[in-house]
Amino acid sequence: MKIRTKITLSSLFFLAVSSGVGAWCYLNIQKEERAFDDSRRAARTRAAVADIDYFATRRVRALQNYVLLNDEAEKLQFQQAGTQVLQRLALWRKSAAHRETNDADLPAVSAAFDALSGPAEKVETAMDKGRRTEAMSLVESEFVPASAGALKAIADIKNRTEASALQSEQDMTAELRRNHWSLLAGMGLVVFFGLVFLVSFYRSVIQPIHLMKSWADRVAQGERNVPWR
């Protein structure tokens, strides 16, 4: 095989290996980015549900204290908590539209809060009209069962999103570890085949040149029967 052919084939082989390793690393980086995005979305979803759970619980307690104590400060906390829940739901919808959070549990959380809002409005209306006894009766008959079911549903979703966020974080860590090993393996392959290419180049080009120079030097010194390999 001619020297030019050897060099060409070796170069093409090295380029093919380098391109394959580069494509492999690129795919691993894409997988790493997807795992990171999934983990970030899960963490933001968990935070959104946790905030809604906090303000929904606060809204329930504030209404009960308002009816029990007839304290306007508790009424104000009840209204503010409701506003906070609505704001958190709106932010969740907006972030889900931009793929910054997961929206699978959004309808269930919204439905749970809506189930809580109906009885709460009845109690608040009775208190505003000065019918405190009726408000207490509504709290016992409608608001307490509705709030218990709604808070339990939200708490279950919160626990599920926390587990999902933890799993996504673990998956991201495992993906990072795999990618690091893949990158090291890819670099090792490039170095190995680079050395193979250098050895092949030396044996195909440099070594014959040295042999030719040695033969020419001996002939120049007067040796006439120098064999040529």
C-alpha atoms as a PDB file:
ATOM      1  CA  MET A   1       0.000   0.000   0.000  1.00  0.00           C
ATOM      2  CA  LYS A   2       1.344   3.429  -0.923  1.00  0.00           C
ATOM      3  CA  ILE A   3       2.310   5.910   1.772  1.00  0.00           C
ATOM      4  CA  ARG A   4      -0.255   8.453   0.569  1.00  0.00           C
ATOM      5  CA  THR A   5      -3.010   5.839   0.751  1.00  0.00           C
ATOM      6  CA  LYS A   6      -1.980   4.835   4.267  1.00  0.00           C
ATOM      7  CA  ILE A   7      -1.991   8.441   5.469  1.00  0.00           C
ATOM      8  CA  THR A   8      -5.353   9.130   3.840  1.00  0.00           C
ATOM      9  CA  LEU A   9      -7.011   6.053   5.315  1.00  0.00           C
ATOM     10  CA  SER A  10      -5.540   6.705   8.761  1.00  0.00           C
ATOM     11  CA  SER A  11      -6.692  10.337   8.665  1.00  0.00           C
ATOM     12  CA  LEU A  12     -10.193   9.395   7.566  1.00  0.00           C
ATOM     13  CA  PHE A  13     -10.421   6.750  10.263  1.00  0.00           C
ATOM     14  CA  PHE A  14      -9.271   9.192  12.948  1.00  0.00           C
ATOM     15  CA  LEU A  15     -11.736  11.835  11.738  1.00  0.00           C
ATOM     16  CA  ALA A  16     -14.565   9.287  11.743  1.00  0.00           C
ATOM     17  CA  VAL A  17     -13.743   8.223  15.307  1.00  0.00           C
ATOM     18  CA  SER A  18     -13.466  11.847  16.474  1.00  0.00           C
ATOM     19  CA  SER A  19     -16.785  12.731  14.826  1.00  0.00           C
ATOM     20  CA  GLY A  20     -18.482   9.727  16.419  1.00  0.00           C
ATOM     21  CA  VAL A  21     -17.147  10.623  19.851  1.00  0.00           C
ATOM     22  CA  GLY A  22     -18.197  14.249  19.361  1.00  0.00           C
ATOM     23  CA  ALA A  23     -21.737  13.220  18.373  1.00  0.00           C
ATOM     24  CA  TRP A  24     -21.904  10.867  21.344  1.00  0.00           C
ATOM     25  CA  CYS A  25     -20.827  13.648  23.729  1.00  0.00           C
ATOM     26  CA  TYR A  26     -23.341  16.036  22.150  1.00  0.00           C
ATOM     27  CA  LEU A  27     -26.202  13.573  22.700  1.00  0.00           C
ATOM     28  CA  ASN A  28     -25.127  13.075  26.303  1.00  0.00           C
ATOM     29  CA  ILE A  29     -25.081  16.834  26.845  1.00  0.00           C
ATOM     30  CA  GLN A  30     -28.619  17.057  25.437  1.00  0.00           C
ATOM     31  CA  LYS A  31     -29.768  14.348  27.851  1.00  0.00           C
ATOM     32  CA  GLU A  32     -28.096  16.214  30.703  1.00  0.00           C
ATOM     33  CA  GLU A  33     -29.900  19.443  29.797  1.00  0.00           C
ATOM     34  CA  ARG A  34     -33.254  17.627  29.644  1.00  0.00           C
ATOM     35  CA  ALA A  35     -32.634  16.067  33.061  1.00  0.00           C
ATOM     36  CA  PHE A  36     -31.730  19.497  34.460  1.00  0.00           C
ATOM     37  CA  ASP A  37     -34.874  21.082  32.995  1.00  0.00           C
ATOM     38  CA  ASP A  38     -37.051  18.291  34.409  1.00  0.00           C
ATOM     39  CA  SER A  39     -35.497  18.731  37.846  1.00  0.00           C
ATOM     40  CA  ARG A  40     -35.968  22.503  37.738  1.00  0.00           C
ATOM     41  CA  ARG A  41     -39.614  22.201  36.672  1.00  0.00           C
ATOM     42  CA  ALA A  42     -40.299  19.669  39.416  1.00  0.00           C
ATOM     43  CA  ALA A  43     -38.694  21.913  42.051  1.00  0.00           C
ATOM     44  CA  ARG A  44     -40.707  24.953  40.925  1.00  0.00           C
ATOM     45  CA  THR A  45     -43.913  22.914  40.886  1.00  0.00           C
ATOM     46  CA  ARG A  46     -43.206  21.721  44.396  1.00  0.00           C
ATOM     47  CA  ALA A  47     -42.680  25.317  45.547  1.00  0.00           C
ATOM     48  CA  ALA A  48     -45.943  26.449  43.905  1.00  0.00           C
ATOM     49  CA  VAL A  49     -47.993  23.700  45.561  1.00  0.00           C
ATOM     50  CA  ALA A  50     -46.320  24.318  48.927  1.00  0.00           C
ATOM     51  CA  ASP A  51     -47.223  28.024  48.776  1.00  0.00           C
ATOM     52  CA  ILE A  52     -50.832  27.265  47.874  1.00  0.00           C
ATOM     53  CA  ASP A  53     -51.068  24.701  50.659  1.00  0.00           C
ATOM     54  CA  TYR A  54     -49.736  27.246  53.172  1.00  0.00           C
ATOM     55  CA  PHE A  55     -52.101  30.044  52.185  1.00  0.00           C
ATOM     56  CA  ALA A  56     -55.101  27.710  51.885  1.00  0.00           C
ATOM     57  CA  THR A  57     -54.471  26.412  55.424  1.00  0.00           C
ATOM     58  CA  ARG A  58     -54.050  29.967  56.639  1.00  0.00           C
ATOM     59  CA  ARG A  59     -57.347  30.960  54.957  1.00  0.00           C
ATOM     60  CA  VAL A  60     -59.218  28.131  56.698  1.00  0.00           C
ATOM     61  CA  ARG A  61     -57.856  29.015  60.134  1.00  0.00           C
ATOM     62  CA  ALA A  62     -58.461  32.727  59.643  1.00  0.00           C
ATOM     63  CA  LEU A  63     -62.126  32.180  58.766  1.00  0.00           C
ATOM     64  CA  GLN A  64     -62.662  29.916  61.752  1.00  0.00           C
ATOM     65  CA  ASN A  65     -61.041  32.472  64.044  1.00  0.00           C
ATOM     66  CA  TYR A  66     -63.084  35.248  62.463  1.00  0.00           C
ATOM     67  CA  VAL A  67     -66.340  33.448  63.228  1.00  0.00           C
ATOM     68  CA  LEU A  68     -65.203  32.404  66.697  1.00  0.00           C
ATOM     69  CA  LEU A  69     -63.706  35.730  67.799  1.00  0.00           C
ATOM     70  CA  ASN A  70     -65.569  38.134  65.501  1.00  0.00           C
ATOM     71  CA  ASP A  71     -62.215  39.800  64.873  1.00  0.00           C
ATOM     72  CA  GLU A  72     -61.860  42.002  61.800  1.00  0.00           C
ATOM     73  CA  ALA A  73     -58.115  41.306  61.708  1.00  0.00           C
ATOM     74  CA  GLU A  74     -58.865  37.622  61.136  1.00  0.00           C
ATOM     75  CA  LYS A  75     -61.271  38.569  58.363  1.00  0.00           C
ATOM     76  CA  LEU A  76     -58.520  40.595  56.721  1.00  0.00           C
ATOM     77  CA  GLN A  77     -56.126  37.624  56.954  1.00  0.00           C
ATOM     78  CA  PHE A  78     -58.816  35.390  55.459  1.00  0.00           C
ATOM     79  CA  GLN A  79     -59.211  37.706  52.467  1.00  0.00           C
ATOM     80  CA  GLN A  80     -55.485  38.186  51.990  1.00  0.00           C
ATOM     81  CA  ALA A  81     -54.879  34.449  52.083  1.00  0.00           C
ATOM     82  CA  GLY A  82     -57.498  33.929  49.403  1.00  0.00           C
ATOM     83  CA  THR A  83     -55.882  36.600  47.230  1.00  0.00           C
ATOM     84  CA  GLN A  84     -52.493  34.959  47.674  1.00  0.00           C
ATOM     85  CA  VAL A  85     -53.853  31.581  46.586  1.00  0.00           C
ATOM     86  CA  LEU A  86     -55.386  33.090  43.450  1.00  0.00           C
ATOM     87  CA  GLN A  87     -52.124  34.870  42.646  1.00  0.00           C
ATOM     88  CA  ARG A  88     -50.143  31.655  43.115  1.00  0.00           C
ATOM     89  CA  LEU A  89     -52.518  29.786  40.819  1.00  0.00           C
ATOM     90  CA  ALA A  90     -52.186  32.488  38.158  1.00  0.00           C
ATOM     91  CA  LEU A  91     -48.398  32.417  38.398  1.00  0.00           C
ATOM     92  CA  TRP A  92     -48.467  28.632  38.157  1.00  0.00           C
ATOM     93  CA  ARG A  93     -50.565  28.772  34.976  1.00  0.00           C
ATOM     94  CA  LYS A  94     -48.237  31.369  33.468  1.00  0.00           C
ATOM     95  CA  SER A  95     -45.075  29.443  34.297  1.00  0.00           C
ATOM     96  CA  ALA A  96     -46.643  26.207  33.028  1.00  0.00           C
ATOM     97  CA  ALA A  97     -47.420  27.919  29.731  1.00  0.00           C
ATOM     98  CA  HIS A  98     -43.701  28.735  29.442  1.00  0.00           C
ATOM     99  CA  ARG A  99     -42.768  25.145  30.418  1.00  0.00           C
ATOM    100  CA  GLU A 100     -41.150  26.337  33.642  1.00  0.00           C
ATOM    101  CA  THR A 101     -43.419  24.160  35.817  1.00  0.00           C
ATOM    102  CA  ASN A 102     -45.500  21.030  35.394  1.00  0.00           C
ATOM    103  CA  ASP A 103     -49.227  21.586  35.015  1.00  0.00           C
ATOM    104  CA  ALA A 104     -50.473  18.013  35.574  1.00  0.00           C
ATOM    105  CA  ASP A 105     -51.689  18.780  39.115  1.00  0.00           C
ATOM    106  CA  LEU A 106     -52.840  22.338  38.451  1.00  0.00           C
ATOM    107  CA  PRO A 107     -56.507  21.457  37.694  1.00  0.00           C
ATOM    108  CA  ALA A 108     -56.761  19.330  40.848  1.00  0.00           C
ATOM    109  CA  VAL A 109     -55.345  22.083  43.078  1.00  0.00           C
ATOM    110  CA  SER A 110     -57.593  24.688  41.479  1.00  0.00           C
ATOM    111  CA  ALA A 111     -60.641  22.441  41.928  1.00  0.00           C
ATOM    112  CA  ALA A 112     -59.776  21.852  45.588  1.00  0.00           C
ATOM    113  CA  PHE A 113     -59.554  25.580  46.230  1.00  0.00           C
ATOM    114  CA  ASP A 114     -62.844  26.185  44.404  1.00  0.00           C
ATOM    115  CA  ALA A 115     -64.510  23.539  46.580  1.00  0.00           C
ATOM    116  CA  LEU A 116     -63.255  25.446  49.605  1.00  0.00           C
ATOM    117  CA  SER A 117     -64.320  28.862  48.331  1.00  0.00           C
ATOM    118  CA  GLY A 118     -68.075  28.187  48.098  1.00  0.00           C
ATOM    119  CA  PRO A 119     -68.732  27.368  51.772  1.00  0.00           C
ATOM    120  CA  ALA A 120     -66.273  30.094  52.822  1.00  0.00           C
ATOM    121  CA  GLU A 121     -68.239  32.746  50.941  1.00  0.00           C
ATOM    122  CA  LYS A 122     -71.458  31.615  52.621  1.00  0.00           C
ATOM    123  CA  VAL A 123     -69.883  31.958  56.058  1.00  0.00           C
ATOM    124  CA  GLU A 124     -68.414  35.357  55.221  1.00  0.00           C
ATOM    125  CA  THR A 125     -71.749  36.612  53.892  1.00  0.00           C
ATOM    126  CA  ALA A 126     -73.538  35.507  57.071  1.00  0.00           C
ATOM    127  CA  MET A 127     -70.952  37.292  59.207  1.00  0.00           C
ATOM    128  CA  ASP A 128     -71.221  40.469  57.123  1.00  0.00           C
ATOM    129  CA  LYS A 129     -74.987  40.464  57.704  1.00  0.00           C
ATOM    130  CA  GLY A 130     -74.515  40.056  61.438  1.00  0.00           C
ATOM    131  CA  ARG A 131     -75.864  36.481  61.569  1.00  0.00           C
ATOM    132  CA  ARG A 132     -73.072  34.996  63.602  1.00  0.00           C
ATOM    133  CA  THR A 133     -75.084  32.004  64.808  1.00  0.00           C
ATOM    134  CA  GLU A 134     -75.879  31.057  61.238  1.00  0.00           C
ATOM    135  CA  ALA A 135     -72.213  31.497  60.338  1.00  0.00           C
ATOM    136  CA  MET A 136     -71.175  29.117  63.134  1.00  0.00           C
ATOM    137  CA  SER A 137     -73.701  26.583  61.900  1.00  0.00           C
ATOM    138  CA  LEU A 138     -72.366  26.887  58.351  1.00  0.00           C
ATOM    139  CA  VAL A 139     -68.829  26.410  59.596  1.00  0.00           C
ATOM    140  CA  GLU A 140     -69.762  23.160  61.318  1.00  0.00           C
ATOM    141  CA  SER A 141     -72.023  21.778  58.607  1.00  0.00           C
ATOM    142  CA  GLU A 142     -70.357  22.891  55.375  1.00  0.00           C
ATOM    143  CA  PHE A 143     -67.065  24.685  55.807  1.00  0.00           C
ATOM    144  CA  VAL A 144     -65.254  22.201  58.064  1.00  0.00           C
ATOM    145  CA  PRO A 145     -66.006  19.120  55.867  1.00  0.00           C
ATOM    146  CA  ALA A 146     -65.203  21.035  52.689  1.00  0.00           C
ATOM    147  CA  SER A 147     -61.980  22.478  54.091  1.00  0.00           C
ATOM    148  CA  ALA A 148     -60.859  19.077  55.384  1.00  0.00           C
ATOM    149  CA  GLY A 149     -61.326  17.488  51.975  1.00  0.00           C
ATOM    150  CA  ALA A 150     -59.729  20.391  50.115  1.00  0.00           C
ATOM    151  CA  LEU A 151     -56.698  20.632  52.378  1.00  0.00           C
ATOM    152  CA  LYS A 152     -56.198  16.878  52.245  1.00  0.00           C
ATOM    153  CA  ALA A 153     -56.294  16.930  48.442  1.00  0.00           C
ATOM    154  CA  ILE A 154     -53.787  19.785  48.295  1.00  0.00           C
ATOM    155  CA  ALA A 155     -51.551  18.104  50.885  1.00  0.00           C
ATOM    156  CA  ASP A 156     -51.574  14.857  48.898  1.00  0.00           C
ATOM    157  CA  ILE A 157     -50.576  16.741  45.761  1.00  0.00           C
ATOM    158  CA  LYS A 158     -47.847  18.541  47.687  1.00  0.00           C
ATOM    159  CA  ASN A 159     -46.437  15.234  48.921  1.00  0.00           C
ATOM    160  CA  ARG A 160     -46.564  13.845  45.407  1.00  0.00           C
ATOM    161  CA  THR A 161     -44.761  16.860  43.935  1.00  0.00           C
ATOM    162  CA  GLU A 162     -42.122  16.667  46.666  1.00  0.00           C
ATOM    163  CA  ALA A 163     -41.508  13.010  45.826  1.00  0.00           C
ATOM    164  CA  SER A 164     -41.389  13.877  42.124  1.00  0.00           C
ATOM    165  CA  ALA A 165     -38.915  16.703  42.736  1.00  0.00           C
ATOM    166  CA  LEU A 166     -36.701  14.418  44.803  1.00  0.00           C
ATOM    167  CA  GLN A 167     -36.788  11.736  42.113  1.00  0.00           C
ATOM    168  CA  SER A 168     -36.004  14.295  39.399  1.00  0.00           C
ATOM    169  CA  GLU A 169     -33.051  15.558  41.406  1.00  0.00           C
ATOM    170  CA  GLN A 170     -31.743  12.014  41.827  1.00  0.00           C
ATOM    171  CA  ASP A 171     -32.209  11.335  38.114  1.00  0.00           C
ATOM    172  CA  MET A 172     -30.344  14.524  37.257  1.00  0.00           C
ATOM    173  CA  THR A 173     -27.460  13.544  39.558  1.00  0.00           C
ATOM    174  CA  ALA A 174     -27.291  10.079  37.994  1.00  0.00           C
ATOM    175  CA  GLU A 175     -27.376  11.589  34.499  1.00  0.00           C
ATOM    176  CA  LEU A 176     -24.558  13.981  35.366  1.00  0.00           C
ATOM    177  CA  ARG A 177     -22.486  11.099  36.684  1.00  0.00           C
ATOM    178  CA  ARG A 178     -23.111   9.035  33.548  1.00  0.00           C
ATOM    179  CA  ASN A 179     -22.259  11.974  31.314  1.00  0.00           C
ATOM    180  CA  HIS A 180     -19.018  12.650  33.143  1.00  0.00           C
ATOM    181  CA  TRP A 181     -17.948   9.051  32.671  1.00  0.00           C
ATOM    182  CA  SER A 182     -19.051   9.185  29.033  1.00  0.00           C
ATOM    183  CA  LEU A 183     -16.995  12.314  28.428  1.00  0.00           C
ATOM    184  CA  LEU A 184     -13.965  10.701  30.034  1.00  0.00           C
ATOM    185  CA  ALA A 185     -14.455   7.595  27.911  1.00  0.00           C
ATOM    186  CA  GLY A 186     -14.808   9.717  24.775  1.00  0.00           C
ATOM    187  CA  MET A 187     -11.644  11.639  25.556  1.00  0.00           C
ATOM    188  CA  GLY A 188      -9.863   8.336  26.188  1.00  0.00           C
ATOM    189  CA  LEU A 189     -10.973   7.011  22.792  1.00  0.00           C
ATOM    190  CA  VAL A 190      -9.794  10.157  21.014  1.00  0.00           C
ATOM    191  CA  VAL A 191      -6.419   9.995  22.757  1.00  0.00           C
ATOM    192  CA  PHE A 192      -6.061   6.274  22.017  1.00  0.00           C
ATOM    193  CA  PHE A 193      -6.863   6.565  18.318  1.00  0.00           C
ATOM    194  CA  GLY A 194      -4.746   9.710  18.130  1.00  0.00           C
ATOM    195  CA  LEU A 195      -1.788   7.688  19.362  1.00  0.00           C
ATOM    196  CA  VAL A 196      -2.625   4.945  16.869  1.00  0.00           C
ATOM    197  CA  PHE A 197      -2.686   7.554  14.109  1.00  0.00           C
ATOM    198  CA  LEU A 198       0.688   8.967  15.207  1.00  0.00           C
ATOM    199  CA  VAL A 199       2.269   5.495  15.314  1.00  0.00           C
ATOM    200  CA  SER A 200       0.846   4.701  11.883  1.00  0.00           C
ATOM    201  CA  PHE A 201       2.088   8.022  10.533  1.00  0.00           C
ATOM    202  CA  TYR A 202       5.543   7.371  11.969  1.00  0.00           C
ATOM    203  CA  ARG A 203       5.791   3.867  10.534  1.00  0.00           C
ATOM    204  CA  SER A 204       4.413   4.938   7.163  1.00  0.00           C
ATOM    205  CA  VAL A 205       6.315   8.201   6.664  1.00  0.00           C
ATOM    206  CA  ILE A 206       8.977   9.053   9.211  1.00  0.00           C
ATOM    207  CA  GLN A 207      10.603   5.641   9.509  1.00  0.00           C
ATOM    208  CA  PRO A 208      10.961   5.131   5.713  1.00  0.00           C
ATOM    209  CA  ILE A 209      12.475   8.605   5.419  1.00  0.00           C
ATOM    210  CA  HIS A 210      15.048   7.739   8.084  1.00  0.00           C
ATOM    211  CA  LEU A 211      15.871   4.476   6.304  1.00  0.00           C
ATOM    212  CA  MET A 212      16.233   6.306   2.993  1.00  0.00           C
ATOM    213  CA  LYS A 213      18.528   8.901   4.563  1.00  0.00           C
ATOM    214  CA  SER A 214      20.667   6.194   6.137  1.00  0.00           C
ATOM    215  CA  TRP A 215      20.921   4.349   2.811  1.00  0.00           C
ATOM    216  CA  ALA A 216      21.806   7.563   0.966  1.00  0.00           C
ATOM    217  CA  ASP A 217      24.486   8.438   3.530  1.00  0.00           C
ATOM    218  CA  ARG A 218      26.116   5.005   3.166  1.00  0.00           C
ATOM    219  CA  VAL A 219      26.050   5.222  -0.621  1.00  0.00           C
ATOM    220  CA  ALA A 220      27.517   8.741  -0.451  1.00  0.00           C
ATOM    221  CA  GLN A 221      30.341   7.425   1.701  1.00  0.00           C
ATOM    222  CA  GLY A 222      31.341   4.990  -1.051  1.00  0.00           C
ATOM    223  CA  GLU A 223      29.521   1.810  -0.164  1.00  0.00           C
ATOM    224  CA  ARG A 224      28.338   0.227  -3.404  1.00  0.00           C
ATOM    225  CA  ASN A 225      26.554  -2.920  -2.284  1.00  0.00           C
ATOM    226  CA  VAL A 226      24.148  -1.418   0.248  1.00  0.00           C
ATOM    227  CA  PRO A 227      20.822  -3.293   0.083  1.00  0.00           C
ATOM    228  CA  TRP A 228      17.688  -1.145  -0.214  1.00  0.00           C
ATOM    229  CA  ARG A 229      14.571  -2.226   1.586  1.00  0.00           C
END
